[in-house]
Protein backbone atom coordinates (compact mmCIF):
# COMPACT_ATOMS: atom_id res chain seq x y z
CA MET A 1 32.38 -17.85 -40.83
CA SER A 2 35.94 -16.72 -40.24
CA GLU A 3 36.86 -14.38 -37.44
CA GLU A 4 38.05 -11.81 -39.98
CA LYS A 5 34.69 -11.75 -41.79
CA LEU A 6 32.82 -11.60 -38.47
CA SER A 7 34.84 -8.54 -37.45
CA THR A 8 33.83 -6.73 -40.64
CA ILE A 9 30.15 -7.38 -39.96
CA LEU A 10 30.35 -6.68 -36.20
CA PRO A 11 32.95 -4.00 -35.74
CA THR A 12 34.67 -4.01 -32.40
CA THR A 13 33.07 -1.71 -29.87
CA LYS A 14 34.34 -0.49 -26.58
CA TRP A 15 31.77 -1.53 -24.00
CA GLN A 16 31.36 0.89 -21.15
CA SER A 17 31.54 -0.07 -17.49
CA LEU A 18 28.91 1.05 -15.01
CA GLY A 19 31.34 3.51 -13.47
CA ILE A 20 29.73 5.60 -10.75
CA TRP A 21 26.48 3.71 -11.37
CA ASN A 22 28.04 0.89 -9.36
CA VAL A 23 27.29 2.94 -6.24
CA TYR A 24 23.56 2.72 -7.03
CA PHE A 25 23.66 -1.09 -7.13
CA LEU A 26 25.88 -1.37 -4.04
CA PHE A 27 23.35 0.79 -2.23
CA LYS A 28 20.50 -1.48 -3.33
CA PHE A 29 22.38 -4.57 -2.19
CA GLY A 30 22.68 -2.96 1.23
CA LEU A 31 18.96 -2.24 1.33
CA PHE A 32 18.29 -5.84 0.32
CA TYR A 33 20.59 -7.11 3.07
CA PHE A 34 18.62 -5.14 5.69
CA SER A 35 15.31 -6.47 4.22
CA LEU A 36 14.23 -2.98 3.19
CA ILE A 37 13.68 -3.91 -0.46
CA GLU A 38 13.43 -6.94 -2.70
CA LEU A 39 15.32 -7.33 -5.97
CA HIS A 40 13.70 -7.95 -9.36
CA ILE A 41 16.42 -9.68 -11.37
CA LEU A 42 15.24 -9.06 -14.92
CA GLU A 43 14.45 -5.38 -14.42
CA ASN A 44 17.78 -4.65 -12.73
CA LEU A 45 19.72 -6.54 -15.41
CA ALA A 46 17.83 -4.58 -18.07
CA LEU A 47 18.92 -1.32 -16.42
CA ILE A 48 22.53 -2.49 -16.37
CA ALA A 49 22.30 -3.46 -20.05
CA PHE A 50 20.93 -0.03 -20.89
CA LEU A 51 23.67 1.75 -18.91
CA VAL A 52 26.58 -0.15 -20.48
CA LEU A 53 25.40 0.32 -24.07
CA PRO A 54 28.39 1.62 -26.09
CA ILE A 55 27.44 5.07 -27.36
CA GLU A 56 30.16 7.32 -28.78
CA ASN A 57 28.13 10.48 -29.32
CA HIS A 58 28.53 12.70 -26.25
CA ALA A 59 25.05 14.25 -26.42
CA ILE A 60 23.31 10.90 -26.81
CA ARG A 61 25.43 9.39 -24.04
CA THR A 62 24.40 12.25 -21.75
CA LEU A 63 20.76 11.66 -22.64
CA LYS A 64 21.22 7.97 -21.89
CA HIS A 65 22.42 8.73 -18.37
CA LEU A 66 19.59 11.20 -17.74
CA LEU A 67 17.08 8.58 -18.77
CA GLY A 68 19.00 6.11 -16.62
CA ILE A 69 18.43 8.31 -13.57
CA CYS A 70 14.67 8.28 -14.22
CA PHE A 71 14.64 4.51 -14.76
CA ALA A 72 16.78 3.96 -11.65
CA VAL A 73 14.42 5.96 -9.43
CA LEU A 74 11.37 4.12 -10.76
CA LEU A 75 13.12 0.78 -10.39
CA LEU A 76 14.13 1.55 -6.81
CA HIS A 77 10.47 2.24 -6.02
CA HIS A 78 9.50 -0.97 -7.83
CA ASP A 79 12.01 -2.94 -5.75
CA SER A 80 10.84 -1.32 -2.51
CA TYR A 81 7.82 -2.35 -0.45
CA LEU A 82 6.26 1.09 -0.84
CA PRO A 83 2.70 1.29 -2.23
CA PRO A 84 2.35 1.61 -6.03
CA LEU A 85 2.75 5.11 -7.46
CA SER A 86 -0.88 4.99 -8.60
CA LEU A 87 -2.01 4.94 -4.96
CA LEU A 88 0.33 7.74 -3.96
CA LEU A 89 -0.83 9.86 -6.92
CA ASN A 90 -4.45 9.49 -5.76
CA SER A 91 -3.57 11.89 -2.92
CA SER A 92 -1.50 14.29 -5.02
CA ASP A 93 -4.19 17.01 -4.88
CA LEU A 94 -4.11 16.88 -1.06
CA ILE A 95 -0.31 17.01 -0.91
CA THR A 96 -0.36 20.45 -2.54
CA SER A 97 -2.04 21.84 0.57
CA PHE A 98 0.69 20.61 2.93
CA SER A 99 2.85 23.24 4.57
CA MET A 100 6.52 23.41 3.62
CA SER A 101 7.61 22.35 7.11
CA TYR A 102 5.43 19.25 6.90
CA LEU A 103 6.78 18.34 3.45
CA ILE A 104 10.33 18.61 4.80
CA GLU A 105 9.36 16.39 7.73
CA LEU A 106 7.94 13.76 5.37
CA ILE A 107 11.13 13.81 3.28
CA SER A 108 13.20 13.34 6.43
CA ARG A 109 11.23 10.18 7.21
CA ILE A 110 11.93 8.74 3.77
CA VAL A 111 15.61 9.69 3.75
CA SER A 112 16.54 8.05 7.05
CA TRP A 113 19.93 8.13 8.75
CA GLN A 114 20.26 4.45 7.95
CA ALA A 115 19.78 5.07 4.23
CA THR A 116 22.12 8.08 4.29
CA SER A 117 24.81 6.02 6.03
CA LEU A 118 24.34 3.25 3.49
CA ILE A 119 24.83 5.67 0.60
CA LEU A 120 28.05 6.95 2.16
CA VAL A 121 29.37 3.41 2.72
CA SER A 122 28.49 2.42 -0.86
CA LEU A 123 30.25 5.47 -2.29
CA VAL A 124 33.43 5.03 -0.22
CA THR A 125 33.51 1.30 -0.97
CA TYR A 126 33.39 1.95 -4.71
CA LEU A 127 35.93 4.78 -4.70
CA TYR A 128 38.40 2.88 -2.50
CA PHE A 129 38.23 -0.56 -4.10
CA SER A 130 37.59 0.36 -7.74
CA GLN A 131 41.34 0.50 -8.45
CA TRP A 132 41.54 -3.23 -7.77
CA VAL A 133 38.01 -4.56 -8.34
CA ARG A 134 35.89 -4.53 -11.52
CA PHE A 135 32.62 -3.69 -9.85
CA THR A 136 30.46 -4.03 -12.97
CA GLY A 137 31.01 -7.78 -13.17
CA VAL A 138 30.85 -8.20 -9.42
CA ASN A 139 27.53 -6.33 -9.21
CA ILE A 140 25.99 -8.48 -11.94
CA ILE A 141 27.00 -11.67 -10.09
CA VAL A 142 25.80 -10.37 -6.71
CA LEU A 143 22.56 -9.18 -8.31
CA LEU A 144 21.85 -12.65 -9.67
CA CYS A 145 22.62 -14.35 -6.36
CA SER A 146 20.70 -11.85 -4.23
CA GLY A 147 17.71 -11.86 -6.53
CA LEU A 148 17.50 -15.64 -6.60
CA ILE A 149 17.63 -15.81 -2.80
CA GLY A 150 14.87 -13.22 -2.61
CA GLN A 151 12.74 -15.19 -5.06
CA ILE A 152 13.08 -18.34 -2.96
CA ASN A 153 12.23 -16.55 0.29
CA THR A 154 9.03 -15.01 -1.10
CA GLN A 155 7.60 -18.02 -2.92
CA ASP A 156 5.59 -19.17 0.11
CA SER A 157 3.53 -15.95 0.08
CA ALA A 158 1.67 -17.18 -3.00
CA LYS A 159 0.72 -20.58 -1.55
CA TYR A 160 -2.79 -20.93 -0.20
CA THR A 161 -4.37 -24.21 0.88
CA GLN A 162 -7.79 -24.95 2.20
CA GLN A 163 -6.28 -26.74 5.18
CA GLN A 164 -4.69 -23.46 6.30
CA ASN A 165 -8.00 -21.65 6.55
CA THR A 166 -8.70 -20.57 10.15
CA LEU A 167 -11.31 -17.86 9.55
CA PRO A 168 -14.13 -17.73 12.10
CA SER A 169 -17.32 -19.39 10.91
CA LEU A 170 -19.91 -17.05 9.44
CA ASN A 171 -23.67 -17.46 9.38
CA ILE A 172 -24.74 -17.72 5.75
CA THR A 173 -28.49 -17.56 5.25
CA ALA A 174 -30.36 -20.29 3.46
CA LYS A 175 -30.70 -18.09 0.36
CA GLN A 176 -26.95 -17.97 -0.08
CA GLN A 177 -24.68 -20.73 -1.23
CA PRO A 178 -21.55 -21.19 0.91
CA ILE A 179 -18.46 -19.90 -0.82
CA SER A 180 -15.42 -22.16 -0.76
CA VAL A 181 -12.73 -20.30 1.18
CA THR A 182 -9.29 -21.24 -0.06
CA ASP A 183 -7.67 -17.85 -0.58
CA PRO A 184 -8.08 -14.19 0.45
CA ALA A 185 -10.35 -13.39 -2.52
CA SER A 186 -12.94 -16.05 -1.65
CA ALA A 187 -12.66 -15.18 2.05
CA LEU A 188 -13.47 -11.56 1.22
CA ALA A 189 -16.43 -12.62 -0.95
CA ARG A 190 -17.81 -14.69 1.91
CA PHE A 191 -17.31 -11.78 4.30
CA TYR A 192 -19.29 -9.42 2.03
CA ALA A 193 -22.06 -12.00 1.67
CA GLU A 194 -22.45 -12.28 5.43
CA GLN A 195 -22.24 -8.54 6.07
CA LYS A 196 -24.93 -7.77 3.51
CA GLU A 197 -27.55 -9.34 5.79
CA LEU A 198 -26.72 -7.33 8.91
CA ILE A 199 -29.09 -4.56 10.02
CA THR A 200 -29.51 -3.32 13.60
CA GLN A 201 -33.08 -3.39 14.87
CA PHE A 202 -33.73 -0.30 16.97
CA PRO A 203 -36.82 0.00 19.20
CA THR A 204 -39.85 1.76 17.71
CA GLN A 205 -40.05 4.18 20.63
CA PHE A 206 -37.88 5.38 23.49
CA SER A 207 -38.68 4.24 27.01
CA GLY A 208 -37.13 4.55 30.42
CA ALA A 209 -34.79 7.17 31.90
CA ASN A 210 -33.39 9.79 29.54
CA PHE A 211 -29.72 9.78 28.63
CA ASP A 212 -27.41 11.47 26.14
CA LEU A 213 -25.18 9.63 23.68
CA ILE A 214 -21.72 11.18 23.16
CA VAL A 215 -19.56 9.82 20.34
CA LEU A 216 -15.91 10.92 20.44
CA ASN A 217 -14.45 10.24 16.99
CA VAL A 218 -10.68 10.72 17.28
CA CYS A 219 -8.32 10.86 14.33
CA SER A 220 -4.98 8.99 14.35
CA LEU A 221 -5.18 6.90 17.52
CA GLY A 222 -4.28 3.22 17.31
CA TRP A 223 -3.18 0.60 19.81
CA ASP A 224 0.19 0.43 18.08
CA ASP A 225 0.60 4.20 18.48
CA LEU A 226 -0.22 4.06 22.18
CA ASP A 227 2.30 1.27 22.63
CA PHE A 228 4.90 3.27 20.69
CA VAL A 229 4.60 6.28 23.05
CA GLY A 230 4.08 4.20 26.20
CA MET A 231 0.44 5.16 26.76
CA ASP A 232 -1.32 1.83 26.24
CA ASN A 233 -2.11 1.70 29.99
CA HIS A 234 -3.06 5.36 30.39
CA PRO A 235 -5.47 6.14 33.29
CA LEU A 236 -8.12 7.30 30.78
CA LEU A 237 -8.36 3.77 29.39
CA GLN A 238 -8.87 2.47 32.92
CA GLN A 239 -11.87 4.80 33.34
CA PHE A 240 -13.88 3.18 30.56
CA ASP A 241 -16.33 0.49 31.61
CA VAL A 242 -15.47 -1.51 28.49
CA VAL A 243 -12.39 -1.32 26.27
CA PHE A 244 -12.42 -3.11 22.92
CA GLU A 245 -8.92 -4.44 22.33
CA ASN A 246 -9.55 -5.82 18.84
CA PHE A 247 -11.71 -3.22 17.11
CA ASN A 248 -11.32 -2.80 13.35
CA SER A 249 -11.74 0.76 12.05
CA ALA A 250 -11.99 -0.76 8.52
CA THR A 251 -10.05 2.04 6.81
CA SER A 252 -7.05 4.30 7.35
CA TYR A 253 -8.58 7.61 6.26
CA SER A 254 -10.88 10.00 8.09
CA GLY A 255 -13.67 10.50 5.55
CA PRO A 256 -14.42 6.80 4.99
CA ALA A 257 -14.00 6.08 8.72
CA ALA A 258 -16.57 8.70 9.71
CA THR A 259 -18.92 7.50 6.97
CA ARG A 260 -18.67 3.91 8.23
CA LEU A 261 -19.26 4.99 11.83
CA LEU A 262 -22.27 7.15 11.00
CA ASN A 263 -23.73 4.26 8.97
CA ALA A 264 -22.80 1.60 11.52
CA SER A 265 -26.30 0.14 11.69
CA CYS A 266 -25.65 -1.98 8.59
CA GLY A 267 -22.85 -4.42 7.87
CA HIS A 268 -19.50 -3.69 6.26
CA LYS A 269 -19.69 -2.46 2.67
CA ALA A 270 -16.97 -2.52 0.05
CA HIS A 271 -15.27 0.84 -0.33
CA ASP A 272 -16.65 1.29 -3.84
CA ASP A 273 -20.20 0.81 -2.49
CA LEU A 274 -19.69 3.00 0.56
CA TYR A 275 -20.92 6.17 -1.14
CA ALA A 276 -23.86 4.62 -2.97
CA ASN A 277 -27.43 5.13 -1.82
CA LYS A 278 -27.73 3.88 1.74
CA PRO A 279 -30.95 2.65 3.38
CA LYS A 280 -32.21 4.95 6.11
CA GLN A 281 -32.01 2.16 8.66
CA CYS A 282 -28.21 2.14 8.22
CA ASN A 283 -27.84 5.68 9.55
CA LEU A 284 -27.03 5.57 13.26
CA PHE A 285 -27.88 9.18 14.11
CA GLY A 286 -30.96 9.07 11.89
CA GLN A 287 -32.26 6.17 13.98
CA LEU A 288 -31.60 8.16 17.14
CA GLU A 289 -33.48 11.17 15.77
CA GLN A 290 -36.55 8.98 15.24
CA LEU A 291 -36.36 8.08 18.94
CA GLY A 292 -36.44 11.71 20.03
CA PHE A 293 -32.72 12.49 20.26
CA GLN A 294 -31.54 15.89 19.09
CA THR A 295 -28.36 15.37 17.06
CA ASP A 296 -25.47 17.75 17.69
CA LEU A 297 -22.25 18.26 15.76
CA ALA A 298 -19.00 19.62 17.20
CA MET A 299 -15.41 19.50 15.95
CA ASN A 300 -12.10 21.01 17.01
CA HIS A 301 -11.36 22.05 13.41
CA ASN A 302 -13.14 23.70 10.51
CA GLY A 303 -13.67 20.50 8.50
CA PHE A 304 -12.45 22.04 5.22
CA PHE A 305 -9.55 19.67 4.52
CA ASP A 306 -10.51 16.87 2.14
CA SER A 307 -14.12 18.15 2.35
CA PHE A 308 -14.60 16.34 5.66
CA LEU A 309 -17.60 18.40 6.84
CA PRO A 310 -19.53 18.13 3.54
CA SER A 311 -18.74 14.41 3.50
CA ILE A 312 -20.23 13.61 6.91
CA ARG A 313 -23.30 15.63 5.98
CA ALA A 314 -23.82 14.00 2.59
CA GLN A 315 -22.59 10.48 3.36
CA GLY A 316 -23.19 10.30 7.10
CA GLY A 317 -26.59 11.97 7.18
CA LEU A 318 -25.49 14.32 9.96
CA ASN A 319 -27.32 17.58 9.23
CA ALA A 320 -27.04 19.26 12.62
CA PRO A 321 -25.48 22.75 12.59
CA LEU A 322 -21.77 22.82 13.38
CA GLN A 323 -21.06 24.22 16.83
CA SER A 324 -19.28 27.58 16.71
CA LEU A 325 -15.56 27.76 17.46
CA ASP A 326 -15.65 31.42 18.47
CA ASN A 327 -13.67 32.18 21.64
CA ILE A 328 -12.14 28.70 21.68
CA LYS A 329 -8.39 28.58 22.25
CA VAL A 330 -6.17 27.52 19.33
CA MET A 331 -3.92 24.70 20.57
CA GLN A 332 -2.24 23.53 17.35
CA ARG A 333 -1.77 24.29 13.67
CA SER A 334 -2.67 21.61 11.17
CA PHE A 335 -0.41 20.39 8.35
CA ASP A 336 -2.17 22.88 6.04
CA GLY A 337 -1.79 25.75 8.53
CA SER A 338 -5.43 25.79 9.67
CA PRO A 339 -6.17 26.17 13.41
CA ILE A 340 -6.94 23.23 15.70
CA TYR A 341 -8.87 24.19 18.81
CA SER A 342 -8.92 22.93 22.38
CA ASP A 343 -10.81 19.64 22.68
CA GLY A 344 -11.69 20.34 26.28
CA GLN A 345 -13.12 23.79 25.56
CA VAL A 346 -15.16 22.57 22.57
CA LEU A 347 -16.73 19.80 24.68
CA THR A 348 -17.33 22.16 27.60
CA GLU A 349 -19.08 24.59 25.23
CA TRP A 350 -21.32 21.78 23.98
CA LEU A 351 -22.24 20.90 27.55
CA ARG A 352 -23.04 24.56 28.29
CA ASN A 353 -25.31 24.72 25.24
CA ARG A 354 -26.84 21.38 26.20
CA ALA A 355 -27.76 22.71 29.65
CA GLY A 356 -29.99 25.33 28.05
CA SER A 357 -31.81 22.87 25.80
CA GLN A 358 -35.42 21.86 26.39
CA VAL A 359 -34.90 18.58 24.51
CA ALA A 360 -34.70 15.62 26.87
CA ARG A 361 -32.16 13.57 24.90
CA HIS A 362 -29.16 14.61 22.79
CA ALA A 363 -26.76 12.64 20.58
CA LEU A 364 -23.41 14.36 20.00
CA TYR A 365 -20.93 13.54 17.26
CA PHE A 366 -17.57 15.11 18.16
CA ASN A 367 -14.58 14.89 15.84
CA SER A 368 -11.01 15.67 16.90
CA ILE A 369 -7.87 15.91 14.74
CA SER A 370 -5.53 16.81 17.61
CA LEU A 371 -3.40 13.72 16.91
CA HIS A 372 -3.23 14.02 13.13
CA ASP A 373 0.15 13.71 11.48
CA GLY A 374 1.78 17.04 10.64
CA ASN A 375 0.23 19.03 13.49
CA LEU A 376 2.45 21.55 15.28
CA LEU A 377 1.85 22.93 18.76
CA ALA A 378 0.71 26.55 18.60
CA GLY A 379 2.18 29.46 20.49
CA THR A 380 5.56 27.89 21.18
CA SER A 381 8.97 28.01 19.56
CA ASN A 382 9.76 24.32 20.17
CA ASN A 383 11.64 22.29 17.59
CA LEU A 384 9.49 19.17 17.88
CA ASN A 385 8.10 17.76 14.65
CA SER A 386 4.69 16.08 14.62
CA LEU A 387 6.08 12.61 15.34
CA GLU A 388 8.06 13.87 18.32
CA SER A 389 5.11 15.83 19.72
CA TYR A 390 2.56 13.01 19.33
CA GLY A 391 2.97 11.81 22.92
CA ALA A 392 2.49 15.29 24.35
CA ARG A 393 -0.55 15.90 22.17
CA ALA A 394 -2.05 12.54 23.17
CA GLN A 395 -1.51 13.31 26.86
CA THR A 396 -3.33 16.63 26.46
CA LEU A 397 -6.23 15.01 24.61
CA PHE A 398 -6.63 12.28 27.23
CA LYS A 399 -6.52 14.81 30.08
CA ASP A 400 -9.22 16.85 28.32
CA PHE A 401 -11.38 13.73 28.07
CA GLU A 402 -10.79 12.88 31.75
CA ARG A 403 -11.85 16.37 32.83
CA PHE A 404 -14.88 16.20 30.55
CA PHE A 405 -15.95 12.90 32.12
CA GLU A 406 -15.62 14.45 35.59
CA THR A 407 -17.79 17.38 34.52
CA LEU A 408 -20.41 15.04 33.09
CA SER A 409 -20.57 13.10 36.35
CA ARG A 410 -21.35 16.32 38.25
CA THR A 411 -24.36 17.23 36.10
CA GLY A 412 -26.57 14.54 37.62
CA LYS A 413 -27.66 13.36 34.16
CA ASN A 414 -27.14 10.05 32.39
CA TYR A 415 -24.67 9.60 29.56
CA LEU A 416 -23.42 6.84 27.28
CA VAL A 417 -19.96 7.85 26.01
CA VAL A 418 -18.33 6.05 23.10
CA MET A 419 -14.73 6.87 22.15
CA VAL A 420 -13.97 5.42 18.73
CA PRO A 421 -10.84 6.44 16.79
CA GLU A 422 -11.01 6.82 13.01
CA HIS A 423 -7.72 4.98 12.45
CA GLY A 424 -4.18 4.84 13.79
CA ALA A 425 -1.37 7.32 13.12
CA ALA A 426 1.18 4.75 11.85
CA LEU A 427 3.85 6.23 14.13
CA ARG A 428 6.06 3.16 13.91
CA GLY A 429 6.02 2.56 10.17
CA ASP A 430 6.97 -0.73 8.54
CA GLN A 431 8.63 -2.14 5.44
CA MET A 432 5.90 -1.01 3.09
CA GLN A 433 4.97 2.36 4.57
CA PHE A 434 7.19 4.86 6.32
CA ALA A 435 5.96 6.50 9.53
CA GLY A 436 2.76 8.44 8.92
CA LEU A 437 1.96 6.86 5.54
CA ARG A 438 -1.50 5.26 5.56
CA GLU A 439 -2.21 4.43 1.93
CA ILE A 440 -2.60 0.76 2.85
CA PRO A 441 -4.82 -0.02 5.88
CA SER A 442 -2.52 -2.47 7.66
CA PRO A 443 -3.62 -4.24 10.88
CA ALA A 444 -1.38 -1.96 12.96
CA ILE A 445 -3.25 1.07 11.59
CA VAL A 446 -6.85 -0.17 11.77
CA ASN A 447 -6.73 -1.84 15.20
CA VAL A 448 -7.92 1.02 17.42
CA PRO A 449 -8.82 1.42 21.14
CA VAL A 450 -12.57 1.84 21.55
CA GLY A 451 -13.95 2.73 24.97
CA ILE A 452 -17.50 2.61 26.35
CA LYS A 453 -18.45 4.53 29.49
CA PHE A 454 -21.80 4.78 31.26
CA ILE A 455 -22.07 7.86 33.47
CA SER A 456 -24.87 7.97 36.01
CA SER A 457 -25.20 9.27 39.55
CA THR A 458 -27.75 6.66 40.58
CA GLN A 459 -26.79 3.30 39.05
CA ASN A 460 -24.20 0.74 40.02
CA LYS A 461 -22.22 -1.12 37.35
CA ILE A 462 -21.79 -4.87 37.18
CA GLY A 463 -18.56 -5.88 35.47
CA GLN A 464 -16.85 -2.48 35.32
CA GLY A 465 -13.44 -2.31 33.59
CA LEU A 466 -14.01 -5.13 31.13
CA LYS A 467 -11.58 -5.81 28.31
CA TYR A 468 -13.38 -7.13 25.23
CA ARG A 469 -10.94 -9.16 23.14
CA GLU A 470 -13.18 -10.58 20.40
CA PRO A 471 -12.77 -9.06 16.89
CA VAL A 472 -15.52 -6.51 16.22
CA SER A 473 -16.19 -3.42 14.12
CA TYR A 474 -18.75 -0.61 13.78
CA PHE A 475 -21.81 -2.87 13.56
CA ALA A 476 -21.08 -4.12 17.09
CA LEU A 477 -21.22 -0.52 18.35
CA SER A 478 -24.60 -0.02 16.69
CA GLU A 479 -25.84 -3.23 18.30
CA LEU A 480 -24.56 -2.12 21.71
CA ILE A 481 -26.33 1.25 21.42
CA ALA A 482 -29.54 -0.47 20.27
CA ARG A 483 -29.38 -2.86 23.24
CA THR A 484 -29.01 0.13 25.55
CA LEU A 485 -32.17 1.58 24.02
CA HIS A 486 -34.12 -1.69 24.13
CA ASN A 487 -33.25 -2.47 27.75
CA ASN A 488 -32.54 0.95 29.16
CA PRO A 489 -29.96 0.27 31.90
CA PHE A 490 -30.39 3.77 33.32
CA ASP A 491 -33.93 2.80 34.31
CA GLY A 492 -32.90 0.32 36.98
CA ARG A 493 -30.52 0.07 39.86
CA ASN A 494 -27.73 -1.73 38.03
CA ILE A 495 -26.00 -1.49 34.66
CA ASP A 496 -25.12 -5.04 33.66
CA LEU A 497 -22.22 -4.61 31.25
CA GLU A 498 -21.72 -8.31 30.64
CA GLU A 499 -25.32 -8.67 29.51
CA LEU A 500 -24.95 -5.76 27.09
CA LEU A 501 -21.78 -7.30 25.65
CA SER A 502 -23.11 -10.83 25.38
CA ASP A 503 -22.75 -12.31 21.87
CA LEU A 504 -21.91 -9.08 20.11
CA PRO A 505 -21.52 -9.75 16.35
CA GLN A 506 -17.88 -10.47 15.53
CA SER A 507 -16.13 -9.37 12.37
CA THR A 508 -13.20 -10.55 10.28
CA MET A 509 -10.54 -7.86 10.00
CA VAL A 510 -11.22 -6.36 6.58
CA ALA A 511 -10.08 -2.82 5.76
CA GLU A 512 -10.26 -0.78 2.59
CA ASN A 513 -9.19 2.45 0.97
CA LYS A 514 -9.71 3.52 -2.62
CA GLY A 515 -7.85 0.95 -4.71
CA THR A 516 -6.68 -1.05 -1.67
CA LYS A 517 -8.11 -4.01 0.21
CA MET A 518 -6.75 -5.86 3.25
CA ILE A 519 -8.01 -9.02 4.89
CA VAL A 520 -6.55 -11.13 7.66
CA PHE A 521 -6.59 -14.64 6.21
CA ASP A 522 -5.03 -17.65 7.91
CA ASN A 523 -4.04 -15.23 10.72
CA LYS A 524 -1.89 -13.27 8.25
CA PRO A 525 -2.62 -9.92 6.55
CA PHE A 526 -3.05 -10.02 2.77
CA ILE A 527 -3.50 -6.99 0.52
CA GLN A 528 -4.74 -6.30 -2.98
CA LEU A 529 -3.54 -3.10 -4.67
CA ASP A 530 -5.41 -1.58 -7.62
CA GLY A 531 -7.19 -4.84 -8.39
CA GLU A 532 -3.99 -6.83 -8.86
CA SER A 533 -3.17 -10.21 -7.31
CA TRP A 534 -3.23 -10.73 -3.55
CA GLN A 535 0.05 -10.64 -1.65
CA ARG A 536 1.24 -10.94 1.93
CA TYR A 537 1.62 -7.66 3.76
CA PRO A 538 5.15 -7.47 5.18
CA ASN A 539 4.78 -7.28 8.94
CA GLN A 540 8.35 -6.38 9.84
CA GLN A 541 8.34 -3.10 11.73
CA GLN A 542 11.02 -0.46 11.35
């Protein structure tokens, strides 16, 4: 076909350049260079093709660019390591209750100074060099090269071999067939199979000296957070008789964490099965009630947000009346504006009420949200946001606990105190989640400092100040409490901590939220989002 005939069939069109859209792609190349995003070649080329389509009509061309903005935002999210929009939308009803100041703080974490500087550099680069350089062609070439490099660097994340498997051996009963572990999915299936058989055997009756159990369930306290604010060697941690250095909270949200703790007497359940009917023997405080303990409930907040109080009643089986917060000092304001009360005063009030009780043994569940993201200190005009004030709030909480321990030691009674955080605060953030975002339960978020303290005026302790480094989770706590009940250490002259800790059941690090699973496989964290394929969790910290 002659060139003349071809021109009549395909009339010449004036193809448009990317123009100011070049800034968008220069910005993304900068993010890719700093390992903040990856680049999907086909999708980015498709956006370029859409943007350079030759459209003469002004109204349609305007519409094209408006649609381009929407596509560009979605594509930037797709290229980023951020969780899928489906996971973020799951919490959209909770976001509406955030205060305006907290929303602004969250936006400031997303729009960092690094990203703002990169936008400025991209804009100036385009405006200055565009008179000599055709950026549209250059961006296409750089996109291809950058994308191909990214593809090569990430190929190893999909390779799993049986030889790489280093998971700890699990005891599979004779009724179960061993599951071949060659990838995260089969490792998780084997983990569930083993956990299904675990049930703590409590004694049928209480014997020995009376003691109270005090469970301090603290929101947003992880080892990584303590390291971030320089408190990983705080004197409070030195006061505990045992500190678990590798404890898995199994989730990154308060409701599921409290549910798992209160049902610690059975093995780890999948998140989707967590709210199904639970056997009575799984309920930790229910077992204690059968042994003559009066269960008590105290919190330093009202429990309204995300229906926390109804959840621990319905799912945790904790039906004790909530201790009154009347005449307790307000120390902070939560991200939804609700008051957060003094931890020390709430605990002191419980102890005052306990002194007037005729029941010989009490079991207290205390929940604190003093370290939750978005909290602001009350009664001051400081300019600290919740990230900046975390260290000060943590210092206050730890001092309250220290004073509470001192008060307990002066009562002349026996106590077993268990401090177990719900999850970390994600202060540091990483490639996939900015600071404070906990949609995906990464190892840095679910590895929490758990402390055990025996308080008695008559017993000596053998092995005080132990650091327990084996990987454990809630079932190990239930076993430890049951051992304390079986062989009541308050009944003798010595409390042998090493004997109580001997052969505690270990646990693979598995953590779950709704639509999200994480397992440490081959000593590396892998995640599954919304039932899709497994992928490596990026462990580069910001």
